[in-house]
């Protein structure tokens, strides 16, 4: 799936090796090279006049949740007890 054979501009980017490997595995299943994927990405930036996905700064509530100390979070060893707490004791009856 080659986008164009007239390629003369170069882009160099440093990424974590595992991210590159994971992305290449997906791209391989799509029949695309990393170069093809970057070309599609850049074309979409142009066509959409911005990034082709939402990039947002999280609101204060979300930022606070990120900072929350997870060591204080309740832990479960039984998934049914977890759902009892989240959905109420009768959640299994409601599903029937």
PDB file of N, CA and C in Angstrom:
ATOM      1  N   UNK A   1       0.851  -1.180   0.000  1.00  0.00           N
ATOM      2  CA  UNK A   1       0.000   0.000   0.000  1.00  0.00           C
ATOM      3  C   UNK A   1       0.889   1.233   0.000  1.00  0.00           C
ATOM      4  N   UNK A   2       1.601   1.469  -1.027  1.00  0.00           N
ATOM      5  CA  UNK A   2       2.497   2.614  -1.093  1.00  0.00           C
ATOM      6  C   UNK A   2       1.714   3.869  -1.446  1.00  0.00           C
ATOM      7  N   UNK A   3       1.959   4.927  -0.694  1.00  0.00           N
ATOM      8  CA  UNK A   3       1.235   6.180  -0.893  1.00  0.00           C
ATOM      9  C   UNK A   3       1.731   6.903  -2.138  1.00  0.00           C
ATOM     10  N   UNK A   4       3.041   7.016  -2.272  1.00  0.00           N
ATOM     11  CA  UNK A   4       3.613   7.720  -3.413  1.00  0.00           C
ATOM     12  C   UNK A   4       5.047   7.255  -3.603  1.00  0.00           C
ATOM     13  N   UNK A   5       5.484   7.221  -4.849  1.00  0.00           N
ATOM     14  CA  UNK A   5       6.870   6.823  -5.104  1.00  0.00           C
ATOM     15  C   UNK A   5       7.790   8.029  -5.171  1.00  0.00           C
ATOM     16  N   UNK A   6       7.251   9.232  -5.224  1.00  0.00           N
ATOM     17  CA  UNK A   6       8.048  10.452  -5.297  1.00  0.00           C
ATOM     18  C   UNK A   6       8.261  11.012  -3.897  1.00  0.00           C
ATOM     19  N   UNK A   7       9.138  10.361  -3.141  1.00  0.00           N
ATOM     20  CA  UNK A   7       9.397  10.769  -1.761  1.00  0.00           C
ATOM     21  C   UNK A   7      10.815  11.292  -1.658  1.00  0.00           C
ATOM     22  N   UNK A   8      10.935  12.525  -1.200  1.00  0.00           N
ATOM     23  CA  UNK A   8      12.278  13.072  -1.068  1.00  0.00           C
ATOM     24  C   UNK A   8      12.502  13.795   0.255  1.00  0.00           C
ATOM     25  N   UNK A   9      11.469  14.039   1.048  1.00  0.00           N
ATOM     26  CA  UNK A   9      11.635  14.697   2.346  1.00  0.00           C
ATOM     27  C   UNK A   9      11.859  13.628   3.415  1.00  0.00           C
ATOM     28  N   UNK A  10      12.685  13.952   4.384  1.00  0.00           N
ATOM     29  CA  UNK A  10      13.004  13.015   5.449  1.00  0.00           C
ATOM     30  C   UNK A  10      12.472  13.529   6.776  1.00  0.00           C
ATOM     31  N   UNK A  11      11.996  12.598   7.586  1.00  0.00           N
ATOM     32  CA  UNK A  11      11.581  12.893   8.953  1.00  0.00           C
ATOM     33  C   UNK A  11      12.317  11.906   9.845  1.00  0.00           C
ATOM     34  N   UNK A  12      12.947  12.431  10.885  1.00  0.00           N
ATOM     35  CA  UNK A  12      13.608  11.564  11.865  1.00  0.00           C
ATOM     36  C   UNK A  12      12.896  11.760  13.189  1.00  0.00           C
ATOM     37  N   UNK A  13      12.549  10.668  13.817  1.00  0.00           N
ATOM     38  CA  UNK A  13      11.872  10.737  15.111  1.00  0.00           C
ATOM     39  C   UNK A  13      12.441   9.657  16.023  1.00  0.00           C
ATOM     40  N   UNK A  14      12.644  10.011  17.267  1.00  0.00           N
ATOM     41  CA  UNK A  14      13.116   9.043  18.252  1.00  0.00           C
ATOM     42  C   UNK A  14      11.917   8.592  19.080  1.00  0.00           C
ATOM     43  N   UNK A  15      11.700   7.292  19.109  1.00  0.00           N
ATOM     44  CA  UNK A  15      10.599   6.716  19.881  1.00  0.00           C
ATOM     45  C   UNK A  15      11.125   5.525  20.673  1.00  0.00           C
ATOM     46  N   UNK A  16      10.372   5.134  21.660  1.00  0.00           N
ATOM     47  CA  UNK A  16      10.754   3.951  22.434  1.00  0.00           C
ATOM     48  C   UNK A  16      10.715   2.726  21.521  1.00  0.00           C
ATOM     49  N   UNK A  17      11.699   1.858  21.636  1.00  0.00           N
ATOM     50  CA  UNK A  17      11.756   0.677  20.764  1.00  0.00           C
ATOM     51  C   UNK A  17      10.492  -0.182  20.817  1.00  0.00           C
ATOM     52  N   UNK A  18       9.900  -0.355  22.005  1.00  0.00           N
ATOM     53  CA  UNK A  18       8.712  -1.205  22.113  1.00  0.00           C
ATOM     54  C   UNK A  18       7.520  -0.588  21.385  1.00  0.00           C
ATOM     55  N   UNK A  19       7.385   0.737  21.449  1.00  0.00           N
ATOM     56  CA  UNK A  19       6.296   1.409  20.729  1.00  0.00           C
ATOM     57  C   UNK A  19       6.459   1.181  19.231  1.00  0.00           C
ATOM     58  N   UNK A  20       7.678   1.329  18.746  1.00  0.00           N
ATOM     59  CA  UNK A  20       7.954   1.116  17.320  1.00  0.00           C
ATOM     60  C   UNK A  20       7.624  -0.324  16.921  1.00  0.00           C
ATOM     61  N   UNK A  21       8.067  -1.267  17.732  1.00  0.00           N
ATOM     62  CA  UNK A  21       7.837  -2.683  17.444  1.00  0.00           C
ATOM     63  C   UNK A  21       6.344  -3.003  17.436  1.00  0.00           C
ATOM     64  N   UNK A  22       5.611  -2.506  18.442  1.00  0.00           N
ATOM     65  CA  UNK A  22       4.169  -2.753  18.520  1.00  0.00           C
ATOM     66  C   UNK A  22       3.444  -2.153  17.320  1.00  0.00           C
ATOM     67  N   UNK A  23       3.807  -0.927  16.964  1.00  0.00           N
ATOM     68  CA  UNK A  23       3.168  -0.258  15.824  1.00  0.00           C
ATOM     69  C   UNK A  23       3.482  -0.995  14.526  1.00  0.00           C
ATOM     70  N   UNK A  24       4.727  -1.414  14.352  1.00  0.00           N
ATOM     71  CA  UNK A  24       5.106  -2.124  13.128  1.00  0.00           C
ATOM     72  C   UNK A  24       4.349  -3.441  12.994  1.00  0.00           C
ATOM     73  N   UNK A  25       4.078  -4.092  14.112  1.00  0.00           N
ATOM     74  CA  UNK A  25       3.317  -5.344  14.078  1.00  0.00           C
ATOM     75  C   UNK A  25       1.904  -5.079  13.545  1.00  0.00           C
ATOM     76  N   UNK A  26       1.275  -4.009  14.012  1.00  0.00           N
ATOM     77  CA  UNK A  26      -0.068  -3.651  13.535  1.00  0.00           C
ATOM     78  C   UNK A  26      -0.012  -3.240  12.072  1.00  0.00           C
ATOM     79  N   UNK A  27       0.947  -2.387  11.740  1.00  0.00           N
ATOM     80  CA  UNK A  27       1.068  -1.910  10.361  1.00  0.00           C
ATOM     81  C   UNK A  27       1.327  -3.058   9.395  1.00  0.00           C
ATOM     82  N   UNK A  28       2.103  -4.035   9.824  1.00  0.00           N
ATOM     83  CA  UNK A  28       2.376  -5.194   8.974  1.00  0.00           C
ATOM     84  C   UNK A  28       1.081  -5.936   8.644  1.00  0.00           C
ATOM     85  N   UNK A  29       0.204  -6.074   9.641  1.00  0.00           N
ATOM     86  CA  UNK A  29      -1.087  -6.733   9.395  1.00  0.00           C
ATOM     87  C   UNK A  29      -1.947  -5.919   8.432  1.00  0.00           C
ATOM     88  N   UNK A  30      -1.734  -4.602   8.414  1.00  0.00           N
ATOM     89  CA  UNK A  30      -2.474  -3.732   7.497  1.00  0.00           C
ATOM     90  C   UNK A  30      -1.815  -3.640   6.131  1.00  0.00           C
ATOM     91  N   UNK A  31      -0.631  -4.228   5.997  1.00  0.00           N
ATOM     92  CA  UNK A  31       0.098  -4.152   4.735  1.00  0.00           C
ATOM     93  C   UNK A  31       0.727  -2.791   4.505  1.00  0.00           C
ATOM     94  N   UNK A  32       1.041  -2.096   5.583  1.00  0.00           N
ATOM     95  CA  UNK A  32       1.617  -0.747   5.485  1.00  0.00           C
ATOM     96  C   UNK A  32       2.995  -0.721   6.122  1.00  0.00           C
ATOM     97  N   UNK A  33       3.831   0.137   5.584  1.00  0.00           N
ATOM     98  CA  UNK A  33       5.126   0.393   6.202  1.00  0.00           C
ATOM     99  C   UNK A  33       4.976   1.563   7.173  1.00  0.00           C
ATOM    100  N   UNK A  34       5.979   1.761   7.996  1.00  0.00           N
ATOM    101  CA  UNK A  34       5.978   2.922   8.883  1.00  0.00           C
ATOM    102  C   UNK A  34       5.957   4.201   8.062  1.00  0.00           C
ATOM    103  N   UNK A  35       6.679   4.221   6.963  1.00  0.00           N
ATOM    104  CA  UNK A  35       6.680   5.386   6.073  1.00  0.00           C
ATOM    105  C   UNK A  35       5.281   5.662   5.543  1.00  0.00           C
ATOM    106  N   UNK A  36       4.573   4.610   5.119  1.00  0.00           N
ATOM    107  CA  UNK A  36       3.198   4.779   4.647  1.00  0.00           C
ATOM    108  C   UNK A  36       2.316   5.370   5.748  1.00  0.00           C
ATOM    109  N   UNK A  37       2.447   4.833   6.965  1.00  0.00           N
ATOM    110  CA  UNK A  37       1.616   5.294   8.077  1.00  0.00           C
ATOM    111  C   UNK A  37       1.899   6.758   8.408  1.00  0.00           C
ATOM    112  N   UNK A  38       3.160   7.140   8.416  1.00  0.00           N
ATOM    113  CA  UNK A  38       3.510   8.537   8.689  1.00  0.00           C
ATOM    114  C   UNK A  38       2.963   9.431   7.583  1.00  0.00           C
ATOM    115  N   UNK A  39       3.044   8.980   6.346  1.00  0.00           N
ATOM    116  CA  UNK A  39       2.499   9.757   5.226  1.00  0.00           C
ATOM    117  C   UNK A  39       0.994   9.951   5.366  1.00  0.00           C
ATOM    118  N   UNK A  40       0.277   8.888   5.746  1.00  0.00           N
ATOM    119  CA  UNK A  40      -1.167   8.991   5.957  1.00  0.00           C
ATOM    120  C   UNK A  40      -1.454   9.964   7.098  1.00  0.00           C
ATOM    121  N   UNK A  41      -0.704   9.843   8.176  1.00  0.00           N
ATOM    122  CA  UNK A  41      -0.874  10.729   9.329  1.00  0.00           C
ATOM    123  C   UNK A  41      -0.675  12.189   8.933  1.00  0.00           C
ATOM    124  N   UNK A  42       0.393  12.483   8.216  1.00  0.00           N
ATOM    125  CA  UNK A  42       0.669  13.859   7.794  1.00  0.00           C
ATOM    126  C   UNK A  42      -0.403  14.370   6.839  1.00  0.00           C
ATOM    127  N   UNK A  43      -0.874  13.516   5.936  1.00  0.00           N
ATOM    128  CA  UNK A  43      -1.934  13.910   5.006  1.00  0.00           C
ATOM    129  C   UNK A  43      -3.203  14.254   5.785  1.00  0.00           C
ATOM    130  N   UNK A  44      -3.532  13.457   6.793  1.00  0.00           N
ATOM    131  CA  UNK A  44      -4.720  13.724   7.602  1.00  0.00           C
ATOM    132  C   UNK A  44      -4.585  15.020   8.404  1.00  0.00           C
ATOM    133  N   UNK A  45      -3.391  15.313   8.878  1.00  0.00           N
ATOM    134  CA  UNK A  45      -3.166  16.597   9.555  1.00  0.00           C
ATOM    135  C   UNK A  45      -3.498  17.735   8.604  1.00  0.00           C
ATOM    136  N   UNK A  46      -3.039  17.622   7.376  1.00  0.00           N
ATOM    137  CA  UNK A  46      -3.313  18.654   6.370  1.00  0.00           C
ATOM    138  C   UNK A  46      -4.810  18.735   6.071  1.00  0.00           C
ATOM    139  N   UNK A  47      -5.439  17.586   5.792  1.00  0.00           N
ATOM    140  CA  UNK A  47      -6.848  17.573   5.403  1.00  0.00           C
ATOM    141  C   UNK A  47      -7.775  18.052   6.518  1.00  0.00           C
ATOM    142  N   UNK A  48      -7.420  17.755   7.759  1.00  0.00           N
ATOM    143  CA  UNK A  48      -8.277  18.135   8.881  1.00  0.00           C
ATOM    144  C   UNK A  48      -7.833  19.440   9.533  1.00  0.00           C
ATOM    145  N   UNK A  49      -6.764  20.005   9.012  1.00  0.00           N
ATOM    146  CA  UNK A  49      -6.220  21.253   9.557  1.00  0.00           C
ATOM    147  C   UNK A  49      -5.944  21.126  11.055  1.00  0.00           C
ATOM    148  N   UNK A  50      -5.394  19.994  11.429  1.00  0.00           N
ATOM    149  CA  UNK A  50      -5.071  19.704  12.826  1.00  0.00           C
ATOM    150  C   UNK A  50      -4.832  18.221  12.985  1.00  0.00           C
ATOM    151  N   UNK A  51      -4.602  17.812  14.206  1.00  0.00           N
ATOM    152  CA  UNK A  51      -4.400  16.389  14.456  1.00  0.00           C
ATOM    153  C   UNK A  51      -5.683  15.619  14.158  1.00  0.00           C
ATOM    154  N   UNK A  52      -5.562  14.413  13.608  1.00  0.00           N
ATOM    155  CA  UNK A  52      -6.754  13.640  13.236  1.00  0.00           C
ATOM    156  C   UNK A  52      -7.403  12.920  14.423  1.00  0.00           C
ATOM    157  N   UNK A  53      -7.171  13.412  15.618  1.00  0.00           N
ATOM    158  CA  UNK A  53      -7.796  12.882  16.831  1.00  0.00           C
ATOM    159  C   UNK A  53      -7.785  13.989  17.869  1.00  0.00           C
ATOM    160  N   UNK A  54      -8.641  13.864  18.879  1.00  0.00           N
ATOM    161  CA  UNK A  54      -8.723  14.887  19.915  1.00  0.00           C
ATOM    162  C   UNK A  54      -7.525  14.809  20.846  1.00  0.00           C
ATOM    163  N   UNK A  55      -6.939  15.953  21.125  1.00  0.00           N
ATOM    164  CA  UNK A  55      -5.885  16.074  22.121  1.00  0.00           C
ATOM    165  C   UNK A  55      -6.370  17.131  23.097  1.00  0.00           C
ATOM    166  N   UNK A  56      -6.597  16.711  24.320  1.00  0.00           N
ATOM    167  CA  UNK A  56      -7.171  17.625  25.295  1.00  0.00           C
ATOM    168  C   UNK A  56      -6.355  17.615  26.575  1.00  0.00           C
ATOM    169  N   UNK A  57      -6.341  18.744  27.232  1.00  0.00           N
ATOM    170  CA  UNK A  57      -5.766  18.824  28.566  1.00  0.00           C
ATOM    171  C   UNK A  57      -6.865  18.384  29.521  1.00  0.00           C
ATOM    172  N   UNK A  58      -6.593  17.388  30.358  1.00  0.00           N
ATOM    173  CA  UNK A  58      -7.637  16.900  31.253  1.00  0.00           C
ATOM    174  C   UNK A  58      -8.133  18.001  32.190  1.00  0.00           C
ATOM    175  N   UNK A  59      -9.440  17.954  32.513  1.00  0.00           N
ATOM    176  CA  UNK A  59      -9.979  18.925  33.460  1.00  0.00           C
ATOM    177  C   UNK A  59      -9.443  18.624  34.856  1.00  0.00           C
ATOM    178  N   UNK A  60      -9.714  19.498  35.805  1.00  0.00           N
ATOM    179  CA  UNK A  60      -9.148  19.366  37.152  1.00  0.00           C
ATOM    180  C   UNK A  60      -9.568  18.060  37.825  1.00  0.00           C
ATOM    181  N   UNK A  61     -10.805  17.645  37.618  1.00  0.00           N
ATOM    182  CA  UNK A  61     -11.277  16.399  38.230  1.00  0.00           C
ATOM    183  C   UNK A  61     -10.471  15.203  37.720  1.00  0.00           C
ATOM    184  N   UNK A  62     -10.215  15.172  36.421  1.00  0.00           N
ATOM    185  CA  UNK A  62      -9.435  14.084  35.837  1.00  0.00           C
ATOM    186  C   UNK A  62      -7.988  14.144  36.309  1.00  0.00           C
ATOM    187  N   UNK A  63      -7.412  15.350  36.340  1.00  0.00           N
ATOM    188  CA  UNK A  63      -6.039  15.497  36.822  1.00  0.00           C
ATOM    189  C   UNK A  63      -5.929  15.038  38.272  1.00  0.00           C
ATOM    190  N   UNK A  64      -6.929  15.373  39.067  1.00  0.00           N
ATOM    191  CA  UNK A  64      -6.941  14.956  40.467  1.00  0.00           C
ATOM    192  C   UNK A  64      -6.986  13.436  40.574  1.00  0.00           C
ATOM    193  N   UNK A  65      -7.783  12.806  39.730  1.00  0.00           N
ATOM    194  CA  UNK A  65      -7.867  11.341  39.732  1.00  0.00           C
ATOM    195  C   UNK A  65      -6.527  10.721  39.355  1.00  0.00           C
ATOM    196  N   UNK A  66      -5.800  11.335  38.421  1.00  0.00           N
ATOM    197  CA  UNK A  66      -4.477  10.836  38.043  1.00  0.00           C
ATOM    198  C   UNK A  66      -3.519  10.890  39.232  1.00  0.00           C
ATOM    199  N   UNK A  67      -3.655  11.938  40.036  1.00  0.00           N
ATOM    200  CA  UNK A  67      -2.744  12.129  41.168  1.00  0.00           C
ATOM    201  C   UNK A  67      -3.134  11.303  42.393  1.00  0.00           C
ATOM    202  N   UNK A  68      -4.340  10.766  42.375  1.00  0.00           N
ATOM    203  CA  UNK A  68      -4.855  10.045  43.534  1.00  0.00           C
ATOM    204  C   UNK A  68      -3.937   8.892  43.910  1.00  0.00           C
ATOM    205  N   UNK A  69      -3.755   8.733  45.193  1.00  0.00           N
ATOM    206  CA  UNK A  69      -2.899   7.674  45.714  1.00  0.00           C
ATOM    207  C   UNK A  69      -3.629   6.335  45.609  1.00  0.00           C
ATOM    208  N   UNK A  70      -3.210   5.507  44.666  1.00  0.00           N
ATOM    209  CA  UNK A  70      -3.892   4.235  44.431  1.00  0.00           C
ATOM    210  C   UNK A  70      -3.687   3.226  45.559  1.00  0.00           C
ATOM    211  N   UNK A  71      -2.709   3.487  46.444  1.00  0.00           N
ATOM    212  CA  UNK A  71      -2.512   2.564  47.560  1.00  0.00           C
ATOM    213  C   UNK A  71      -3.697   2.622  48.521  1.00  0.00           C
ATOM    214  N   UNK A  72      -4.490   3.690  48.444  1.00  0.00           N
ATOM    215  CA  UNK A  72      -5.671   3.824  49.300  1.00  0.00           C
ATOM    216  C   UNK A  72      -6.919   3.228  48.649  1.00  0.00           C
ATOM    217  N   UNK A  73      -6.798   2.803  47.417  1.00  0.00           N
ATOM    218  CA  UNK A  73      -7.955   2.264  46.697  1.00  0.00           C
ATOM    219  C   UNK A  73      -8.350   0.907  47.274  1.00  0.00           C
ATOM    220  N   UNK A  74      -9.638   0.631  47.249  1.00  0.00           N
ATOM    221  CA  UNK A  74     -10.131  -0.651  47.730  1.00  0.00           C
ATOM    222  C   UNK A  74      -9.743  -1.738  46.732  1.00  0.00           C
ATOM    223  N   UNK A  75      -9.286  -2.848  47.262  1.00  0.00           N
ATOM    224  CA  UNK A  75      -8.877  -3.967  46.415  1.00  0.00           C
ATOM    225  C   UNK A  75      -9.817  -5.147  46.663  1.00  0.00           C
ATOM    226  N   UNK A  76      -9.986  -5.939  45.630  1.00  0.00           N
ATOM    227  CA  UNK A  76     -10.893  -7.083  45.700  1.00  0.00           C
ATOM    228  C   UNK A  76     -10.163  -8.347  45.274  1.00  0.00           C
ATOM    229  N   UNK A  77     -10.544  -9.445  45.896  1.00  0.00           N
ATOM    230  CA  UNK A  77     -10.055 -10.757  45.464  1.00  0.00           C
ATOM    231  C   UNK A  77     -11.183 -11.546  44.806  1.00  0.00           C
ATOM    232  N   UNK A  78     -12.391 -10.999  44.868  1.00  0.00           N
ATOM    233  CA  UNK A  78     -13.567 -11.655  44.294  1.00  0.00           C
ATOM    234  C   UNK A  78     -14.300 -10.650  43.411  1.00  0.00           C
ATOM    235  N   UNK A  79     -14.400 -10.953  42.133  1.00  0.00           N
ATOM    236  CA  UNK A  79     -15.016 -10.030  41.182  1.00  0.00           C
ATOM    237  C   UNK A  79     -16.490  -9.794  41.512  1.00  0.00           C
ATOM    238  N   UNK A  80     -17.182 -10.806  42.022  1.00  0.00           N
ATOM    239  CA  UNK A  80     -18.592 -10.633  42.375  1.00  0.00           C
ATOM    240  C   UNK A  80     -18.768  -9.639  43.520  1.00  0.00           C
ATOM    241  N   UNK A  81     -17.864  -9.664  44.487  1.00  0.00           N
ATOM    242  CA  UNK A  81     -17.930  -8.694  45.585  1.00  0.00           C
ATOM    243  C   UNK A  81     -17.673  -7.282  45.060  1.00  0.00           C
ATOM    244  N   UNK A  82     -16.758  -7.173  44.102  1.00  0.00           N
ATOM    245  CA  UNK A  82     -16.494  -5.861  43.507  1.00  0.00           C
ATOM    246  C   UNK A  82     -17.756  -5.328  42.834  1.00  0.00           C
ATOM    247  N   UNK A  83     -18.410  -6.170  42.021  1.00  0.00           N
ATOM    248  CA  UNK A  83     -19.632  -5.733  41.350  1.00  0.00           C
ATOM    249  C   UNK A  83     -20.759  -5.468  42.352  1.00  0.00           C
ATOM    250  N   UNK A  84     -20.797  -6.217  43.457  1.00  0.00           N
ATOM    251  CA  UNK A  84     -21.779  -5.929  44.507  1.00  0.00           C
ATOM    252  C   UNK A  84     -21.609  -4.497  45.003  1.00  0.00           C
ATOM    253  N   UNK A  85     -20.365  -4.096  45.236  1.00  0.00           N
ATOM    254  CA  UNK A  85     -20.093  -2.737  45.709  1.00  0.00           C
ATOM    255  C   UNK A  85     -20.421  -1.688  44.652  1.00  0.00           C
ATOM    256  N   UNK A  86     -20.111  -1.989  43.412  1.00  0.00           N
ATOM    257  CA  UNK A  86     -20.309  -1.006  42.338  1.00  0.00           C
ATOM    258  C   UNK A  86     -21.773  -0.919  41.929  1.00  0.00           C
ATOM    259  N   UNK A  87     -22.412  -2.070  41.724  1.00  0.00           N
ATOM    260  CA  UNK A  87     -23.756  -2.108  41.138  1.00  0.00           C
ATOM    261  C   UNK A  87     -24.864  -2.397  42.144  1.00  0.00           C
ATOM    262  N   UNK A  88     -24.493  -2.713  43.361  1.00  0.00           N
ATOM    263  CA  UNK A  88     -25.496  -3.072  44.361  1.00  0.00           C
ATOM    264  C   UNK A  88     -25.622  -4.576  44.482  1.00  0.00           C
ATOM    265  N   UNK A  89     -26.125  -4.988  45.603  1.00  0.00           N
ATOM    266  CA  UNK A  89     -26.184  -6.422  45.915  1.00  0.00           C
ATOM    267  C   UNK A  89     -27.068  -7.214  44.953  1.00  0.00           C
ATOM    268  N   UNK A  90     -28.036  -6.580  44.315  1.00  0.00           N
ATOM    269  CA  UNK A  90     -28.987  -7.302  43.459  1.00  0.00           C
ATOM    270  C   UNK A  90     -28.620  -7.269  41.982  1.00  0.00           C
ATOM    271  N   UNK A  91     -27.400  -6.922  41.637  1.00  0.00           N
ATOM    272  CA  UNK A  91     -27.033  -6.778  40.224  1.00  0.00           C
ATOM    273  C   UNK A  91     -27.182  -8.078  39.443  1.00  0.00           C
ATOM    274  N   UNK A  92     -26.925  -9.203  40.082  1.00  0.00           N
ATOM    275  CA  UNK A  92     -27.033 -10.488  39.379  1.00  0.00           C
ATOM    276  C   UNK A  92     -28.488 -10.813  39.045  1.00  0.00           C
ATOM    277  N   UNK A  93     -29.396 -10.448  39.912  1.00  0.00           N
ATOM    278  CA  UNK A  93     -30.817 -10.702  39.672  1.00  0.00           C
ATOM    279  C   UNK A  93     -31.332  -9.832  38.536  1.00  0.00           C
ATOM    280  N   UNK A  94     -30.818  -8.608  38.431  1.00  0.00           N
ATOM    281  CA  UNK A  94     -31.261  -7.668  37.396  1.00  0.00           C
ATOM    282  C   UNK A  94     -30.854  -8.135  36.005  1.00  0.00           C
ATOM    283  N   UNK A  95     -29.775  -8.892  35.905  1.00  0.00           N
ATOM    284  CA  UNK A  95     -29.281  -9.363  34.608  1.00  0.00           C
ATOM    285  C   UNK A  95     -30.156 -10.474  34.048  1.00  0.00           C
ATOM    286  N   UNK A  96     -30.853 -11.175  34.905  1.00  0.00           N
ATOM    287  CA  UNK A  96     -31.667 -12.325  34.466  1.00  0.00           C
ATOM    288  C   UNK A  96     -32.873 -11.891  33.683  1.00  0.00           C
TER     289      UNK A  96
END
